[in-house]
Amino acid sequence: MQVAALSRNSQARIASGTNVVLGIWLIASPWVFGYSVRAPVLSSVLVGMLIAMLATLRLASLHQSAGLSAMNLLLGFWTIVSPWASGYAINKAAVANDLMVGVLVTALAIWSMGATVTEAKHPPSVSGH
């Protein structure tokens, strides 16, 4: 049972750690792709900061912070729809980037939450061995 608990902790750490990197990438992406319109720059920077911050906080307290992954799930969805919602769908680089990052953030947030939910339903047993 201890091995399974470590595996769930690792799952949450890997997912949240990767979301930190994706958040940082989202912050940098307007300059990498040379976005010239304000909407994708603001969306990428603000949402990237939130994703990275929430994922960092999630790493700091895995067992009490599944809600942070839920917030990143919402931010992942926003990242997917933001090119159309914010009117910059004509920028193909921004759309492709936001779609890829949004799908990854969403999937990793679900994976991270799943580790915590599984942990709560099946806590590791304490043994004297």
N, C-alpha and C. Protein backbone atom coordinates (compact mmCIF):
# COMPACT_ATOMS: atom_id res chain seq x y z
N MET A 1 0.81 -1.19 0.00
CA MET A 1 0.00 0.00 0.00
C MET A 1 0.86 1.26 0.00
N GLN A 2 1.99 1.28 0.69
CA GLN A 2 2.87 2.45 0.71
C GLN A 2 3.34 2.80 -0.70
N VAL A 3 3.65 1.79 -1.51
CA VAL A 3 4.14 2.06 -2.86
C VAL A 3 3.08 2.79 -3.66
N ALA A 4 1.82 2.39 -3.54
CA ALA A 4 0.75 3.06 -4.26
C ALA A 4 0.63 4.51 -3.82
N ALA A 5 0.77 4.79 -2.53
CA ALA A 5 0.69 6.17 -2.04
C ALA A 5 1.82 7.01 -2.61
N LEU A 6 3.01 6.46 -2.64
CA LEU A 6 4.13 7.19 -3.23
C LEU A 6 3.88 7.44 -4.71
N SER A 7 3.28 6.49 -5.38
CA SER A 7 2.97 6.65 -6.79
C SER A 7 1.97 7.78 -7.00
N ARG A 8 0.96 7.88 -6.14
CA ARG A 8 -0.01 8.98 -6.28
C ARG A 8 0.64 10.32 -5.98
N ASN A 9 1.52 10.36 -4.97
CA ASN A 9 2.24 11.60 -4.69
C ASN A 9 3.10 11.99 -5.88
N SER A 10 3.77 11.01 -6.46
CA SER A 10 4.61 11.29 -7.63
C SER A 10 3.76 11.78 -8.79
N GLN A 11 2.60 11.18 -8.97
CA GLN A 11 1.69 11.59 -10.03
C GLN A 11 1.30 13.05 -9.87
N ALA A 12 0.93 13.44 -8.67
CA ALA A 12 0.54 14.83 -8.42
C ALA A 12 1.74 15.77 -8.59
N ARG A 13 2.91 15.34 -8.14
CA ARG A 13 4.12 16.18 -8.29
C ARG A 13 4.49 16.37 -9.76
N ILE A 14 4.47 15.29 -10.52
CA ILE A 14 4.83 15.37 -11.94
C ILE A 14 3.84 16.27 -12.68
N ALA A 15 2.55 16.06 -12.43
CA ALA A 15 1.52 16.85 -13.11
C ALA A 15 1.65 18.32 -12.74
N SER A 16 1.78 18.61 -11.46
CA SER A 16 1.87 20.01 -11.02
C SER A 16 3.18 20.65 -11.46
N GLY A 17 4.28 19.91 -11.37
CA GLY A 17 5.57 20.44 -11.82
C GLY A 17 5.56 20.77 -13.30
N THR A 18 4.94 19.90 -14.08
CA THR A 18 4.83 20.16 -15.52
C THR A 18 3.95 21.38 -15.78
N ASN A 19 2.90 21.55 -14.99
CA ASN A 19 2.06 22.74 -15.15
C ASN A 19 2.80 24.02 -14.78
N VAL A 20 3.73 23.95 -13.84
CA VAL A 20 4.57 25.12 -13.55
C VAL A 20 5.34 25.51 -14.82
N VAL A 21 5.95 24.53 -15.45
CA VAL A 21 6.73 24.78 -16.68
C VAL A 21 5.82 25.30 -17.80
N LEU A 22 4.63 24.70 -17.95
CA LEU A 22 3.71 25.17 -18.98
C LEU A 22 3.24 26.60 -18.71
N GLY A 23 3.03 26.94 -17.44
CA GLY A 23 2.67 28.32 -17.10
C GLY A 23 3.76 29.30 -17.48
N ILE A 24 5.00 28.93 -17.18
CA ILE A 24 6.14 29.78 -17.55
C ILE A 24 6.25 29.90 -19.07
N TRP A 25 6.03 28.79 -19.76
CA TRP A 25 6.06 28.83 -21.22
C TRP A 25 4.97 29.78 -21.75
N LEU A 26 3.78 29.70 -21.17
CA LEU A 26 2.69 30.55 -21.61
C LEU A 26 3.05 32.03 -21.42
N ILE A 27 3.75 32.33 -20.34
CA ILE A 27 4.20 33.71 -20.10
C ILE A 27 5.18 34.16 -21.20
N ALA A 28 6.10 33.28 -21.58
CA ALA A 28 7.14 33.63 -22.56
C ALA A 28 6.66 33.56 -24.00
N SER A 29 5.62 32.80 -24.27
CA SER A 29 5.22 32.51 -25.65
C SER A 29 4.90 33.73 -26.51
N PRO A 30 4.33 34.81 -25.98
CA PRO A 30 4.09 35.96 -26.87
C PRO A 30 5.36 36.52 -27.50
N TRP A 31 6.45 36.47 -26.76
CA TRP A 31 7.71 36.99 -27.29
C TRP A 31 8.40 35.96 -28.17
N VAL A 32 8.21 34.70 -27.88
CA VAL A 32 8.78 33.64 -28.73
C VAL A 32 8.12 33.67 -30.11
N PHE A 33 6.80 33.83 -30.13
CA PHE A 33 6.06 33.82 -31.39
C PHE A 33 5.83 35.21 -31.96
N GLY A 34 6.22 36.25 -31.24
CA GLY A 34 6.07 37.61 -31.73
C GLY A 34 4.64 38.07 -31.89
N TYR A 35 3.78 37.78 -30.90
CA TYR A 35 2.40 38.25 -30.95
C TYR A 35 2.43 39.77 -31.02
N SER A 36 1.65 40.32 -31.92
CA SER A 36 1.64 41.77 -32.05
C SER A 36 0.33 42.39 -31.55
N VAL A 37 -0.61 41.55 -31.16
CA VAL A 37 -1.90 42.03 -30.67
C VAL A 37 -1.91 41.93 -29.15
N ARG A 38 -2.49 42.91 -28.50
CA ARG A 38 -2.47 42.97 -27.04
C ARG A 38 -3.22 41.83 -26.35
N ALA A 39 -4.35 41.39 -26.90
CA ALA A 39 -5.18 40.36 -26.26
C ALA A 39 -4.42 39.05 -26.01
N PRO A 40 -3.72 38.49 -27.01
CA PRO A 40 -3.02 37.24 -26.72
C PRO A 40 -1.86 37.42 -25.75
N VAL A 41 -1.25 38.58 -25.78
CA VAL A 41 -0.15 38.84 -24.85
C VAL A 41 -0.68 38.87 -23.42
N LEU A 42 -1.71 39.65 -23.20
CA LEU A 42 -2.29 39.75 -21.86
C LEU A 42 -2.82 38.41 -21.37
N SER A 43 -3.53 37.72 -22.23
CA SER A 43 -4.08 36.42 -21.84
C SER A 43 -2.97 35.44 -21.49
N SER A 44 -1.97 35.35 -22.34
CA SER A 44 -0.87 34.41 -22.10
C SER A 44 -0.11 34.73 -20.82
N VAL A 45 0.19 35.99 -20.62
CA VAL A 45 0.98 36.38 -19.44
C VAL A 45 0.17 36.18 -18.15
N LEU A 46 -1.05 36.69 -18.12
CA LEU A 46 -1.84 36.59 -16.91
C LEU A 46 -2.22 35.14 -16.58
N VAL A 47 -2.69 34.41 -17.56
CA VAL A 47 -3.08 33.03 -17.33
C VAL A 47 -1.86 32.17 -17.03
N GLY A 48 -0.76 32.42 -17.72
CA GLY A 48 0.48 31.68 -17.45
C GLY A 48 0.96 31.90 -16.02
N MET A 49 0.87 33.15 -15.55
CA MET A 49 1.26 33.44 -14.16
C MET A 49 0.38 32.68 -13.18
N LEU A 50 -0.91 32.69 -13.42
CA LEU A 50 -1.85 31.99 -12.52
C LEU A 50 -1.61 30.48 -12.53
N ILE A 51 -1.42 29.91 -13.71
CA ILE A 51 -1.17 28.47 -13.80
C ILE A 51 0.10 28.10 -13.04
N ALA A 52 1.17 28.83 -13.28
CA ALA A 52 2.44 28.54 -12.61
C ALA A 52 2.33 28.72 -11.10
N MET A 53 1.65 29.78 -10.67
CA MET A 53 1.50 30.04 -9.24
C MET A 53 0.66 28.95 -8.56
N LEU A 54 -0.47 28.61 -9.16
CA LEU A 54 -1.34 27.58 -8.57
C LEU A 54 -0.65 26.22 -8.53
N ALA A 55 0.07 25.88 -9.59
CA ALA A 55 0.78 24.60 -9.62
C ALA A 55 1.91 24.58 -8.59
N THR A 56 2.57 25.70 -8.38
CA THR A 56 3.61 25.79 -7.36
C THR A 56 3.02 25.60 -5.97
N LEU A 57 1.90 26.26 -5.71
CA LEU A 57 1.22 26.08 -4.42
C LEU A 57 0.76 24.65 -4.24
N ARG A 58 0.32 24.03 -5.31
CA ARG A 58 -0.11 22.62 -5.27
C ARG A 58 1.06 21.74 -4.88
N LEU A 59 2.22 22.00 -5.42
CA LEU A 59 3.42 21.22 -5.07
C LEU A 59 3.77 21.35 -3.59
N ALA A 60 3.49 22.52 -3.04
CA ALA A 60 3.85 22.77 -1.64
C ALA A 60 2.99 21.99 -0.65
N SER A 61 1.77 21.66 -1.03
CA SER A 61 0.89 20.92 -0.12
C SER A 61 -0.02 20.00 -0.92
N LEU A 62 0.51 18.88 -1.33
CA LEU A 62 -0.20 17.97 -2.22
C LEU A 62 -1.53 17.47 -1.66
N HIS A 63 -1.56 17.14 -0.40
CA HIS A 63 -2.75 16.48 0.15
C HIS A 63 -3.90 17.42 0.46
N GLN A 64 -3.63 18.69 0.64
CA GLN A 64 -4.68 19.64 0.99
C GLN A 64 -5.03 20.58 -0.15
N SER A 65 -4.57 20.32 -1.35
CA SER A 65 -4.70 21.35 -2.37
C SER A 65 -5.25 20.88 -3.71
N ALA A 66 -6.11 19.88 -3.72
CA ALA A 66 -6.69 19.43 -4.99
C ALA A 66 -7.49 20.55 -5.65
N GLY A 67 -8.03 21.47 -4.85
CA GLY A 67 -8.78 22.60 -5.40
C GLY A 67 -7.93 23.48 -6.30
N LEU A 68 -6.64 23.54 -6.03
CA LEU A 68 -5.75 24.33 -6.89
C LEU A 68 -5.67 23.71 -8.29
N SER A 69 -5.66 22.39 -8.34
CA SER A 69 -5.68 21.72 -9.64
C SER A 69 -7.01 21.98 -10.35
N ALA A 70 -8.09 22.06 -9.59
CA ALA A 70 -9.39 22.37 -10.19
C ALA A 70 -9.37 23.76 -10.81
N MET A 71 -8.71 24.70 -10.15
CA MET A 71 -8.59 26.05 -10.72
C MET A 71 -7.74 26.00 -11.99
N ASN A 72 -6.67 25.20 -11.98
CA ASN A 72 -5.86 25.08 -13.19
C ASN A 72 -6.63 24.40 -14.31
N LEU A 73 -7.54 23.51 -13.95
CA LEU A 73 -8.41 22.90 -14.95
C LEU A 73 -9.22 23.98 -15.66
N LEU A 74 -9.79 24.90 -14.90
CA LEU A 74 -10.55 26.00 -15.49
C LEU A 74 -9.65 26.91 -16.34
N LEU A 75 -8.45 27.17 -15.85
CA LEU A 75 -7.51 28.00 -16.63
C LEU A 75 -7.09 27.29 -17.91
N GLY A 76 -6.97 25.98 -17.85
CA GLY A 76 -6.66 25.20 -19.06
C GLY A 76 -7.78 25.33 -20.09
N PHE A 77 -9.04 25.23 -19.61
CA PHE A 77 -10.18 25.42 -20.51
C PHE A 77 -10.16 26.83 -21.11
N TRP A 78 -9.88 27.82 -20.26
CA TRP A 78 -9.82 29.20 -20.76
C TRP A 78 -8.74 29.34 -21.83
N THR A 79 -7.60 28.74 -21.60
CA THR A 79 -6.50 28.82 -22.56
C THR A 79 -6.91 28.24 -23.91
N ILE A 80 -7.71 27.18 -23.87
CA ILE A 80 -8.19 26.56 -25.12
C ILE A 80 -9.13 27.49 -25.87
N VAL A 81 -10.05 28.15 -25.18
CA VAL A 81 -11.06 28.97 -25.86
C VAL A 81 -10.66 30.44 -26.01
N SER A 82 -9.60 30.85 -25.35
CA SER A 82 -9.25 32.27 -25.35
C SER A 82 -8.99 32.89 -26.72
N PRO A 83 -8.42 32.17 -27.70
CA PRO A 83 -8.24 32.83 -28.99
C PRO A 83 -9.56 33.30 -29.62
N TRP A 84 -10.62 32.53 -29.42
CA TRP A 84 -11.92 32.90 -29.98
C TRP A 84 -12.65 33.85 -29.04
N ALA A 85 -12.57 33.62 -27.75
CA ALA A 85 -13.26 34.48 -26.78
C ALA A 85 -12.67 35.88 -26.75
N SER A 86 -11.37 35.98 -26.96
CA SER A 86 -10.70 37.28 -26.89
C SER A 86 -10.42 37.88 -28.26
N GLY A 87 -10.82 37.20 -29.32
CA GLY A 87 -10.74 37.77 -30.66
C GLY A 87 -9.37 37.75 -31.32
N TYR A 88 -8.53 36.79 -31.01
CA TYR A 88 -7.25 36.73 -31.71
C TYR A 88 -7.04 35.39 -32.41
N ALA A 89 -8.13 34.78 -32.85
CA ALA A 89 -8.06 33.48 -33.53
C ALA A 89 -7.37 33.57 -34.89
N ILE A 90 -7.20 34.78 -35.41
CA ILE A 90 -6.51 34.94 -36.68
C ILE A 90 -5.01 34.67 -36.55
N ASN A 91 -4.49 34.82 -35.33
CA ASN A 91 -3.06 34.59 -35.08
C ASN A 91 -2.84 33.08 -34.91
N LYS A 92 -2.41 32.43 -35.98
CA LYS A 92 -2.30 30.96 -36.00
C LYS A 92 -1.30 30.44 -34.96
N ALA A 93 -0.21 31.16 -34.75
CA ALA A 93 0.77 30.71 -33.75
C ALA A 93 0.16 30.76 -32.35
N ALA A 94 -0.58 31.82 -32.06
CA ALA A 94 -1.21 31.95 -30.74
C ALA A 94 -2.26 30.87 -30.55
N VAL A 95 -3.04 30.59 -31.58
CA VAL A 95 -4.08 29.56 -31.49
C VAL A 95 -3.45 28.19 -31.25
N ALA A 96 -2.47 27.84 -32.06
CA ALA A 96 -1.82 26.53 -31.91
C ALA A 96 -1.18 26.39 -30.53
N ASN A 97 -0.49 27.43 -30.09
CA ASN A 97 0.15 27.40 -28.78
C ASN A 97 -0.89 27.27 -27.67
N ASP A 98 -1.93 28.09 -27.72
CA ASP A 98 -2.95 28.05 -26.67
C ASP A 98 -3.68 26.72 -26.65
N LEU A 99 -3.96 26.15 -27.80
CA LEU A 99 -4.62 24.85 -27.84
C LEU A 99 -3.75 23.77 -27.20
N MET A 100 -2.48 23.73 -27.59
CA MET A 100 -1.59 22.70 -27.04
C MET A 100 -1.39 22.87 -25.54
N VAL A 101 -1.09 24.09 -25.12
CA VAL A 101 -0.87 24.34 -23.70
C VAL A 101 -2.15 24.10 -22.91
N GLY A 102 -3.27 24.57 -23.42
CA GLY A 102 -4.54 24.40 -22.73
C GLY A 102 -4.92 22.94 -22.54
N VAL A 103 -4.75 22.15 -23.57
CA VAL A 103 -5.06 20.72 -23.47
C VAL A 103 -4.14 20.05 -22.45
N LEU A 104 -2.85 20.37 -22.51
CA LEU A 104 -1.90 19.78 -21.56
C LEU A 104 -2.20 20.20 -20.12
N VAL A 105 -2.42 21.48 -19.89
CA VAL A 105 -2.72 21.96 -18.53
C VAL A 105 -3.99 21.29 -18.01
N THR A 106 -5.01 21.20 -18.84
CA THR A 106 -6.27 20.57 -18.45
C THR A 106 -6.06 19.11 -18.09
N ALA A 107 -5.39 18.38 -18.96
CA ALA A 107 -5.15 16.95 -18.72
C ALA A 107 -4.31 16.73 -17.46
N LEU A 108 -3.28 17.54 -17.28
CA LEU A 108 -2.43 17.39 -16.10
C LEU A 108 -3.16 17.78 -14.82
N ALA A 109 -4.03 18.77 -14.89
CA ALA A 109 -4.81 19.16 -13.71
C ALA A 109 -5.75 18.00 -13.31
N ILE A 110 -6.37 17.38 -14.29
CA ILE A 110 -7.24 16.23 -14.01
C ILE A 110 -6.43 15.09 -13.42
N TRP A 111 -5.27 14.84 -13.97
CA TRP A 111 -4.39 13.76 -13.48
C TRP A 111 -3.95 14.04 -12.04
N SER A 112 -3.60 15.29 -11.77
CA SER A 112 -3.17 15.67 -10.43
C SER A 112 -4.32 15.54 -9.43
N MET A 113 -5.50 16.02 -9.82
CA MET A 113 -6.67 15.90 -8.93
C MET A 113 -7.00 14.43 -8.68
N GLY A 114 -6.89 13.62 -9.72
CA GLY A 114 -7.18 12.20 -9.59
C GLY A 114 -6.29 11.52 -8.57
N ALA A 115 -5.05 11.95 -8.48
CA ALA A 115 -4.13 11.36 -7.50
C ALA A 115 -4.58 11.68 -6.09
N THR A 116 -5.05 12.88 -5.86
CA THR A 116 -5.49 13.29 -4.53
C THR A 116 -6.81 12.63 -4.17
N VAL A 117 -7.73 12.56 -5.12
CA VAL A 117 -9.01 11.92 -4.86
C VAL A 117 -8.81 10.45 -4.55
N THR A 118 -7.95 9.78 -5.30
CA THR A 118 -7.65 8.37 -5.04
C THR A 118 -7.02 8.22 -3.67
N GLU A 119 -6.13 9.12 -3.31
CA GLU A 119 -5.47 9.10 -2.01
C GLU A 119 -6.51 9.25 -0.89
N ALA A 120 -7.48 10.13 -1.08
CA ALA A 120 -8.49 10.35 -0.05
C ALA A 120 -9.40 9.13 0.12
N LYS A 121 -9.72 8.46 -0.99
CA LYS A 121 -10.57 7.28 -0.93
C LYS A 121 -9.84 6.07 -0.38
N HIS A 122 -8.55 5.98 -0.67
CA HIS A 122 -7.75 4.82 -0.27
C HIS A 122 -6.47 5.28 0.42
N PRO A 123 -6.57 5.82 1.63
CA PRO A 123 -5.34 6.31 2.30
C PRO A 123 -4.40 5.14 2.56
N PRO A 124 -3.11 5.44 2.56
CA PRO A 124 -2.14 4.38 2.81
C PRO A 124 -2.32 3.82 4.23
N SER A 125 -2.17 2.52 4.31
CA SER A 125 -2.30 1.90 5.63
C SER A 125 -0.99 2.04 6.38
N VAL A 126 -1.11 2.14 7.67
CA VAL A 126 0.07 2.24 8.54
C VAL A 126 0.36 0.85 9.07
N SER A 127 1.56 0.41 8.84
CA SER A 127 1.93 -0.91 9.34
C SER A 127 3.21 -0.81 10.14
N GLY A 128 3.41 -1.79 10.96
CA GLY A 128 4.59 -1.80 11.79
C GLY A 128 5.79 -2.42 11.11
N HIS A 129 5.70 -2.70 9.84
CA HIS A 129 6.80 -3.35 9.13
C HIS A 129 7.82 -2.37 8.66
